Protein backbone atom coordinates (compact mmCIF):
# COMPACT_ATOMS: atom_id res chain seq x y z
CA MET A 1 -17.78 32.66 50.75
CA SER A 2 -18.90 32.99 47.38
CA HIS A 3 -16.46 33.95 44.47
CA ARG A 4 -16.59 35.37 40.89
CA THR A 5 -15.24 33.63 38.10
CA VAL A 6 -14.63 35.96 34.97
CA ARG A 7 -13.84 33.41 31.89
CA ILE A 8 -13.27 35.11 28.44
CA HIS A 9 -11.74 33.01 25.97
CA GLY A 10 -10.86 29.76 28.36
CA ILE A 11 -9.29 31.80 30.76
CA GLY A 12 -10.17 31.62 34.16
CA ILE A 13 -9.46 34.61 36.28
CA GLY A 14 -11.13 34.12 39.82
CA ILE A 15 -12.03 37.63 41.90
CA ALA A 16 -13.38 38.41 44.99
CA ALA A 17 -16.77 39.28 45.46
CA ALA A 18 -17.43 39.10 48.81
CA LEU A 19 -14.08 39.30 50.47
CA ALA A 20 -15.67 41.15 53.83
CA VAL A 21 -18.00 38.31 55.05
CA GLY A 22 -15.13 36.45 56.81
CA ALA A 23 -16.47 32.81 56.38
CA ALA A 24 -15.42 30.54 58.89
CA LEU A 25 -12.82 28.31 57.40
CA PRO A 26 -10.54 26.14 59.32
CA ILE A 27 -7.03 27.43 59.84
CA ALA A 28 -4.61 24.93 58.07
CA ALA A 29 -1.73 23.88 60.23
CA LEU A 30 1.30 24.35 58.43
CA ALA A 31 3.58 23.90 61.01
CA GLN A 32 5.99 20.83 61.31
CA SER A 33 8.32 19.59 64.39
CA PRO A 34 11.45 21.62 64.16
CA ALA A 35 13.32 18.09 66.06
CA ALA A 36 12.98 16.82 61.88
CA HIS A 37 14.83 19.92 60.21
CA ASP A 38 18.05 21.16 59.88
CA PRO A 39 18.59 25.35 60.41
CA VAL A 40 17.52 27.27 57.63
CA THR A 41 18.23 30.63 56.47
CA ILE A 42 16.02 32.03 53.39
CA ARG A 43 16.59 35.72 52.13
CA VAL A 44 13.19 37.99 51.40
CA LEU A 45 12.95 40.90 49.29
CA ASN A 46 9.79 42.76 48.70
CA TRP A 47 9.03 46.53 49.05
CA GLY A 48 7.75 46.20 52.29
CA GLN A 49 4.37 46.49 51.23
CA GLY A 50 1.62 47.26 54.46
CA GLY A 51 4.98 48.91 56.56
CA GLU A 52 7.97 47.69 58.56
CA GLN A 53 6.19 46.95 61.61
CA TYR A 54 4.08 44.89 59.73
CA TRP A 55 6.93 43.27 58.32
CA LYS A 56 8.61 42.83 61.94
CA ASP A 57 6.27 41.10 63.47
CA ALA A 58 5.09 38.74 60.13
CA ASN A 59 8.67 37.28 60.18
CA LYS A 60 7.87 36.92 63.85
CA ALA A 61 5.19 35.05 63.56
CA PHE A 62 6.72 33.09 60.63
CA GLN A 63 9.82 31.86 62.60
CA ALA A 64 7.56 31.12 65.92
CA ALA A 65 5.57 28.73 63.44
CA TYR A 66 8.63 27.26 61.55
CA PRO A 67 11.91 27.42 64.64
CA TRP A 68 14.26 26.26 62.00
CA ILE A 69 13.60 28.55 59.56
CA THR A 70 15.28 31.70 59.85
CA VAL A 71 14.70 35.25 57.88
CA GLN A 72 16.85 37.39 56.59
CA TYR A 73 14.53 40.30 55.55
CA GLU A 74 15.25 43.23 52.99
CA SER A 75 13.45 45.67 51.37
CA VAL A 76 12.93 48.63 49.14
CA PRO A 77 10.66 51.58 47.68
CA PHE A 78 8.99 49.94 44.80
CA GLU A 79 10.11 52.53 42.15
CA GLN A 80 13.71 51.26 43.15
CA TYR A 81 12.60 47.94 43.46
CA LEU A 82 12.29 46.29 39.81
CA GLN A 83 15.86 47.49 39.33
CA LEU A 84 16.84 45.86 42.15
CA GLU A 85 15.31 42.59 41.77
CA GLY A 86 16.81 42.78 37.86
CA THR A 87 19.99 42.57 39.18
CA TYR A 88 19.48 40.08 41.47
CA ILE A 89 17.80 38.00 38.09
CA ASN A 90 20.47 39.33 36.32
CA SER A 91 23.19 37.65 38.46
CA LYS A 92 21.29 34.60 38.94
CA SER A 93 21.83 34.84 42.77
CA GLY A 94 20.22 36.69 45.92
CA PRO A 95 17.01 36.22 47.87
CA ASP A 96 15.21 32.56 47.96
CA VAL A 97 11.98 34.75 47.71
CA MET A 98 11.24 38.08 46.12
CA ALA A 99 8.10 40.18 45.25
CA ASN A 100 6.13 40.93 42.03
CA ASN A 101 2.77 42.31 40.67
CA VAL A 102 0.78 40.11 39.06
CA GLY A 103 0.12 40.06 35.38
CA LEU A 104 2.98 40.86 33.05
CA GLU A 105 4.87 42.19 35.73
CA LEU A 106 5.33 38.73 37.34
CA PHE A 107 5.76 36.91 33.43
CA GLU A 108 8.21 38.86 32.16
CA ARG A 109 10.75 37.67 35.16
CA LYS A 110 9.13 33.96 35.04
CA ALA A 111 12.38 32.43 34.09
CA ALA A 112 13.56 33.70 37.76
CA TYR A 113 11.35 31.77 39.54
CA LEU A 114 10.31 28.17 39.77
CA PRO A 115 6.60 26.81 39.48
CA LEU A 116 4.87 26.09 42.74
CA ASN A 117 1.97 24.17 41.06
CA ASP A 118 3.24 20.94 42.74
CA ARG A 119 3.08 22.74 46.06
CA LEU A 120 0.02 24.35 45.79
CA THR A 121 -2.33 22.00 47.19
CA PRO A 122 -6.43 22.73 47.92
CA GLN A 123 -5.26 23.07 51.98
CA ILE A 124 -3.27 26.37 50.62
CA THR A 125 -5.98 27.32 47.52
CA ASP A 126 -9.29 26.51 48.89
CA GLN A 127 -9.01 29.59 51.63
CA LEU A 128 -7.99 31.80 48.55
CA ALA A 129 -10.56 34.28 46.79
CA SER A 130 -8.38 33.26 43.75
CA HIS A 131 -4.71 32.36 42.94
CA THR A 132 -4.28 32.18 38.90
CA TRP A 133 -3.14 35.72 38.45
CA SER A 134 0.06 34.39 38.95
CA CYS A 135 -0.72 31.65 36.55
CA GLU A 136 0.63 31.76 32.39
CA GLY A 137 -2.90 31.99 30.73
CA PHE A 138 -4.30 32.79 34.69
CA ASN A 139 -5.05 29.04 34.37
CA ASP A 140 -3.53 27.28 36.80
CA GLN A 141 -3.31 24.27 34.65
CA ASN A 142 0.04 26.19 33.36
CA PRO A 143 2.56 27.05 35.61
CA CYS A 144 2.42 29.46 38.29
CA TYR A 145 4.99 31.50 39.71
CA GLY A 146 3.98 33.22 43.01
CA LEU A 147 1.20 32.59 45.57
CA PRO A 148 -0.47 36.32 46.36
CA GLN A 149 -1.31 37.56 50.02
CA SER A 150 -3.78 40.45 49.02
CA PHE A 151 -6.36 41.31 46.54
CA GLN A 152 -6.20 44.64 45.09
CA GLY A 153 -7.58 47.53 43.30
CA ASN A 154 -7.91 51.10 42.76
CA VAL A 155 -10.26 53.54 44.62
CA MET A 156 -10.29 57.53 44.66
CA TYR A 157 -9.61 58.79 48.29
CA PHE A 158 -11.27 61.93 49.54
CA ASN A 159 -10.40 64.49 52.69
CA ARG A 160 -14.17 65.94 53.86
CA SER A 161 -13.18 68.89 55.99
CA ILE A 162 -11.65 69.95 52.20
CA LEU A 163 -14.73 69.28 50.57
CA GLN A 164 -16.77 71.08 53.07
CA GLU A 165 -14.69 74.17 53.57
CA ALA A 166 -14.99 74.33 49.57
CA GLY A 167 -18.65 74.16 49.93
CA LEU A 168 -19.45 70.22 48.82
CA ASP A 169 -20.90 67.81 50.31
CA PRO A 170 -19.13 64.90 51.49
CA ASP A 171 -21.44 62.05 52.13
CA ASN A 172 -22.37 62.85 48.05
CA PRO A 173 -18.88 62.94 46.44
CA PRO A 174 -18.18 63.33 42.86
CA ALA A 175 -19.75 60.78 41.04
CA THR A 176 -19.23 61.96 37.34
CA TRP A 177 -16.08 63.55 35.27
CA ASP A 178 -18.01 66.43 34.92
CA ASP A 179 -19.04 66.59 38.43
CA LEU A 180 -15.27 66.38 39.36
CA GLY A 181 -14.35 69.31 36.96
CA ALA A 182 -16.90 71.44 38.95
CA ALA A 183 -15.53 69.87 42.67
CA CYS A 184 -12.00 70.55 41.34
CA GLU A 185 -12.64 74.34 40.44
CA LYS A 186 -14.14 74.66 44.11
CA VAL A 187 -11.29 73.32 45.80
CA LYS A 188 -8.85 74.97 43.36
CA ALA A 189 -11.10 78.48 44.89
CA THR A 190 -10.07 77.29 48.30
CA GLY A 191 -5.87 77.67 47.98
CA LYS A 192 -5.74 73.95 47.66
CA ALA A 193 -4.89 71.37 44.85
CA CYS A 194 -7.66 69.14 43.91
CA ILE A 195 -6.32 65.83 43.13
CA ALA A 196 -2.71 64.87 45.01
CA MET A 197 -0.45 63.26 41.86
CA GLY A 198 3.07 62.21 41.30
CA THR A 199 5.43 60.40 38.25
CA GLY A 200 5.83 56.54 38.15
CA SER A 201 4.87 53.57 37.90
CA THR A 202 1.36 54.69 39.50
CA VAL A 203 -0.06 55.91 36.80
CA ALA A 204 0.39 52.44 34.89
CA TYR A 205 -1.60 50.90 37.85
CA TRP A 206 -3.66 53.42 39.65
CA ASN A 207 -4.94 56.07 37.35
CA TYR A 208 -4.70 54.10 33.84
CA PRO A 209 -7.24 51.16 34.54
CA GLU A 210 -9.58 54.21 36.01
CA ILE A 211 -10.10 55.54 32.69
CA ALA A 212 -9.52 52.57 30.53
CA ARG A 213 -12.87 50.82 32.14
CA ASN A 214 -14.92 53.75 30.37
CA TYR A 215 -13.73 52.77 26.94
CA LEU A 216 -12.81 49.34 27.19
CA ASP A 217 -15.04 46.03 27.87
CA GLU A 218 -13.90 43.06 29.19
CA GLN A 219 -13.24 41.56 26.03
CA GLY A 220 -11.69 44.69 25.20
CA ILE A 221 -9.09 44.41 28.03
CA ILE A 222 -8.45 40.86 27.08
CA ASP A 223 -7.73 42.27 23.62
CA GLN A 224 -4.85 45.10 25.00
CA TYR A 225 -3.68 42.07 27.23
CA GLN A 226 -2.96 39.55 23.78
CA GLY A 227 -1.38 42.77 21.63
CA LYS A 228 -4.75 43.02 19.54
CA ILE A 229 -5.22 46.64 20.50
CA PRO A 230 -2.62 49.44 18.64
CA TRP A 231 -2.64 52.52 20.81
CA THR A 232 -3.82 54.57 17.58
CA ASP A 233 -7.08 52.89 18.28
CA ASP A 234 -9.74 55.43 18.93
CA ARG A 235 -10.81 53.80 22.14
CA MET A 236 -6.24 53.87 23.14
CA ARG A 237 -6.33 57.39 22.39
CA SER A 238 -9.35 58.51 23.87
CA ILE A 239 -7.78 57.41 26.96
CA LEU A 240 -4.64 59.18 27.47
CA ALA A 241 -6.47 61.97 25.80
CA ARG A 242 -8.78 61.35 29.32
CA LEU A 243 -5.42 61.33 31.73
CA ALA A 244 -3.88 64.42 29.51
CA GLU A 245 -7.05 66.31 30.63
CA MET A 246 -6.65 65.96 34.45
CA SER A 247 -3.00 67.91 33.63
CA ASP A 248 -4.30 70.47 31.38
CA LYS A 249 -7.39 71.60 33.31
CA GLY A 250 -5.08 71.87 36.28
CA TRP A 251 -6.48 69.30 38.76
CA PHE A 252 -3.07 68.29 40.21
CA GLN A 253 -0.46 70.21 42.49
CA ASP A 254 1.72 73.00 41.17
CA GLY A 255 4.99 70.58 40.79
CA ALA A 256 3.51 67.09 40.35
CA ALA A 257 5.67 66.02 37.25
CA THR A 258 8.44 66.87 39.07
CA ILE A 259 8.04 64.54 41.56
CA PRO A 260 7.41 60.54 42.58
CA MET A 261 3.58 59.52 43.82
CA LEU A 262 5.56 57.44 46.32
CA PRO A 263 6.00 58.66 48.47
CA ASP A 264 5.88 62.53 47.94
CA GLY A 265 2.30 62.28 46.26
CA GLY A 266 0.99 60.82 48.87
CA ASP A 267 2.31 63.26 51.15
CA VAL A 268 0.66 66.04 49.43
CA PHE A 269 -2.88 64.56 50.02
CA THR A 270 -1.68 63.10 53.69
CA SER A 271 -0.39 67.01 54.78
CA GLY A 272 -4.06 68.57 53.46
CA GLN A 273 -2.72 70.02 50.48
CA ALA A 274 -5.20 68.35 48.25
CA ALA A 275 -8.91 67.16 48.22
CA PHE A 276 -8.55 64.04 46.52
CA VAL A 277 -6.42 61.03 45.85
CA GLY A 278 -5.72 58.23 43.55
CA SER A 279 -4.75 54.73 45.20
CA ILE A 280 -5.45 51.47 45.99
CA VAL A 281 -7.14 49.29 48.67
CA SER A 282 -4.45 47.44 50.05
CA ASP A 283 -0.39 46.97 50.64
CA VAL A 284 0.77 50.43 50.29
CA PHE A 285 -1.03 54.11 50.81
CA ASN A 286 -4.51 52.38 51.06
CA TRP A 287 -7.06 53.25 53.48
CA LYS A 288 -5.11 52.43 56.70
CA GLN A 289 -2.10 54.59 55.50
CA TRP A 290 -4.59 57.40 54.87
CA GLY A 291 -6.72 57.61 57.39
CA ASP A 292 -3.91 57.17 60.25
CA ALA A 293 -2.62 60.59 58.66
CA ILE A 294 -5.62 62.60 58.64
CA GLY A 295 -7.83 60.80 61.03
CA HIS A 296 -10.43 57.80 60.15
CA ASP A 297 -13.22 59.84 60.21
CA ASN A 298 -12.31 62.81 57.97
CA LEU A 299 -11.54 60.61 54.95
CA GLY A 300 -13.92 59.15 52.46
CA VAL A 301 -13.49 56.37 49.24
CA MET A 302 -15.52 56.21 46.24
CA THR A 303 -14.64 55.06 42.97
CA TRP A 304 -13.46 57.17 39.90
CA PRO A 305 -16.19 59.26 38.53
CA VAL A 306 -17.63 57.78 35.54
CA ILE A 307 -16.76 59.94 32.23
CA GLU A 308 -18.81 57.17 29.70
CA PRO A 309 -22.04 56.19 32.12
CA ASP A 310 -23.28 53.50 29.72
CA ALA A 311 -20.19 51.87 29.64
CA PRO A 312 -20.65 48.08 30.49
CA LEU A 313 -17.75 48.39 32.58
CA ALA A 314 -17.64 52.51 34.19
CA HIS A 315 -19.03 51.84 37.54
CA LYS A 316 -17.38 48.82 38.57
CA PHE A 317 -13.77 47.92 40.47
CA SER A 318 -11.05 47.36 38.81
CA GLY A 319 -9.78 44.15 41.26
CA VAL A 320 -6.92 41.64 40.69
CA GLU A 321 -4.87 39.82 43.34
CA GLY A 322 -2.16 42.39 44.92
CA PHE A 323 1.26 41.00 45.09
CA VAL A 324 2.73 38.00 44.57
CA HIS A 325 5.69 36.34 46.76
CA GLY A 326 7.75 33.87 44.64
CA VAL A 327 10.36 30.73 45.15
CA THR A 328 13.46 32.12 42.91
CA SER A 329 14.95 29.31 40.91
CA TRP A 330 18.42 29.27 42.41
CA SER A 331 17.20 29.55 45.69
CA GLN A 332 19.15 26.88 47.92
CA HIS A 333 16.24 26.25 49.93
CA PRO A 334 13.15 25.66 48.02
CA ASP A 335 11.06 23.93 50.30
CA GLU A 336 11.67 26.16 53.69
CA ALA A 337 10.93 29.21 50.95
CA PHE A 338 7.49 27.58 49.89
CA ASP A 339 6.90 27.44 53.38
CA TYR A 340 7.29 31.52 53.71
CA VAL A 341 5.14 31.99 50.62
CA ALA A 342 2.58 29.53 52.28
CA TRP A 343 2.22 30.98 55.27
CA LEU A 344 2.13 34.73 53.90
CA ALA A 345 -1.27 33.26 52.10
CA SER A 346 -2.57 31.72 55.25
CA ALA A 347 -5.24 32.20 57.17
CA ASP A 348 -2.95 32.43 60.50
CA ASN A 349 -1.16 35.83 58.51
CA ALA A 350 -4.28 37.23 57.26
CA ASN A 351 -5.50 38.90 60.67
CA LEU A 352 -2.27 40.06 61.10
CA PHE A 353 -1.84 41.67 57.16
CA LEU A 354 -5.52 43.24 57.87
CA THR A 355 -5.09 44.67 61.74
CA GLU A 356 -1.55 46.06 61.13
CA ALA A 357 -0.80 47.13 57.62
CA GLY A 358 -4.91 47.82 56.57
CA GLY A 359 -4.30 44.59 53.69
CA GLN A 360 -7.33 43.46 51.72
CA PRO A 361 -6.05 40.04 52.29
CA ILE A 362 -6.49 37.20 49.44
CA ASN A 363 -7.40 34.66 52.47
CA THR A 364 -11.06 34.78 52.81
CA THR A 365 -11.10 33.84 56.61
CA PHE A 366 -10.20 37.18 57.75
CA ASP A 367 -12.16 38.95 60.05
CA ALA A 368 -13.43 42.04 58.90
CA SER A 369 -14.84 43.03 62.34
CA LEU A 370 -11.41 44.23 63.54
CA ILE A 371 -11.36 47.04 61.89
CA ASP A 372 -14.16 48.79 63.47
CA TYR A 373 -13.10 52.28 62.95
CA SER A 374 -12.87 52.77 59.71
CA PRO A 375 -15.53 54.17 57.76
CA SER A 376 -13.45 53.96 54.52
CA PHE A 377 -12.48 50.15 55.12
CA THR A 378 -16.43 49.48 55.47
CA LYS A 379 -17.04 50.99 52.40
CA ILE A 380 -14.30 49.46 50.43
CA GLN A 381 -15.97 46.36 51.65
CA GLU A 382 -18.88 47.20 49.21
CA ILE A 383 -17.12 48.28 46.81
CA ILE A 384 -15.20 45.59 45.89
CA LYS A 385 -18.14 43.28 45.37
CA ASP A 386 -18.48 44.54 41.84
CA PRO A 387 -15.16 44.19 40.43
CA THR A 388 -13.81 43.49 37.13
CA LEU A 389 -10.67 43.03 35.01
CA HIS A 390 -7.14 45.09 36.56
CA ALA A 391 -6.20 46.59 32.68
CA GLY A 392 -2.98 48.18 33.95
CA VAL A 393 -1.30 44.64 35.34
CA LEU A 394 -1.99 43.66 31.51
CA LEU A 395 0.61 46.60 30.43
CA SER A 396 3.91 44.96 29.35
CA GLY A 397 7.22 46.54 30.81
CA LYS A 398 7.97 48.59 28.08
CA GLU A 399 3.92 49.88 28.00
CA ALA A 400 4.21 50.94 31.29
CA ASP A 401 7.59 52.67 31.36
CA ALA A 402 6.27 54.63 28.08
CA LEU A 403 3.16 55.54 30.03
CA SER A 404 4.74 56.76 32.73
CA ARG A 405 7.56 58.20 31.34
CA GLY A 406 4.68 59.93 28.55
CA TYR A 407 2.79 61.63 31.44
CA GLN A 408 5.37 63.50 32.38
CA GLN A 409 6.30 64.41 29.50
CA ILE A 410 2.68 65.41 29.26
CA MET A 411 2.30 67.18 32.53
CA LEU A 412 5.46 69.20 31.50
CA LYS A 413 4.21 70.15 28.04
CA GLN A 414 6.41 68.38 26.11
CA ILE A 415 4.85 66.30 24.13
CA THR A 416 1.28 65.96 22.45
CA VAL A 417 -1.82 63.27 23.16
CA ASP A 418 -0.72 61.87 19.30
CA GLN A 419 2.95 61.81 20.61
CA TRP A 420 2.24 60.10 23.62
CA VAL A 421 0.08 57.41 21.19
CA ASP A 422 3.21 56.98 19.61
CA GLN A 423 5.50 56.60 22.02
CA MET A 424 2.57 53.85 23.63
CA GLN A 425 2.66 52.18 19.92
CA ALA A 426 6.38 51.58 19.84
CA ALA A 427 6.39 50.45 23.49
CA LEU A 428 3.90 48.14 22.25
CA GLU A 429 5.30 46.74 19.31
CA ALA A 430 8.33 46.27 21.37
CA SER A 431 6.94 44.13 23.32
CA PRO A 432 7.00 40.55 22.38
CA GLU A 433 5.29 38.73 24.98
CA LYS A 434 2.31 40.70 23.57
CA ALA A 435 2.54 39.61 19.87
CA PRO A 436 -0.93 39.22 18.77
CA SER A 437 -2.23 35.38 18.35
């Protein structure tokens, strides 16, 4: 199993370059004899990434391996999750295990989580394509506050039958921004929307990185993370202008600004009302959910069309560790809570996560041959071999909120791009964790 490590300014960021190979590494035997343990109950909170049935089966499998540990599981939709997590954090009580996306979403909440470094043994980490995005400075010599379960990143899915109806070739989907614009006009002529869209946090994580790759190189993304590029910079303004252009040209369905992306925007795509949707490869609203809804043979997948063909990152995949689970600082059962976190990242869970949730496991031992029914999954295994940094998870919480709120205002024509730039700059200046160093 090969890894690709990007090192910028001493920051080590491990990214899987060939997750689909399925290397035959030994499966760690994590469970111990129950006779030596008193019964313990732990509480787990996440946003159900992978679906209700997956988490029922995953918790059942974990409890079979650790029969002295009972899991009380709670999930809420992601659009409500950060608020609920914040309530628990403010009260310094609640679940023993909670989930976050890696990057600044996690770092802004790090005081609520125990550093796991002493527990991250080679037996656990050697099977993972990467594990440092939950570590300060993306370096596991610094405190690490979670362990990843998935590999994540952005693609664009499409409905092959809608493209055919519009006179387009689904075997040759739009490769450039101009191609996408021409395709959108043909799709709209059929009475369908071109791109399914909604508002919310997905704007920052799903849409923004795919535009940003055309204007920022890897150094630029790191500079953005460190707060060294103002939003008044021509590159940052160009990113916002391209996002606005998608709405201005009518590429979204009517009413896109008034609904959340999850689940309502996704429903526009699954109901056959739109030809394309920008989404992710793992966790929720991935190839499995889309394929189950519209037919796996009908589901196409591609990288986002290129805006600036000569940009160094334009043709790459925005790849990153997906969600991580951490052990809360107030947990009364940190050992058992970590057993759960480690099991989620283990080989024992990798194939379950793959087959039931449609997840892209971070554990490199998964068996890709189990998914022989999805052309999109097979295509994704090729796409993820050429990754770059994911600009979305390096936005501060205030920037992500301003990006999502501003995009809704742009779609409603309540603000201009210049006003959006001002809002984003104000959010950056209000983000102390992004002060230039």
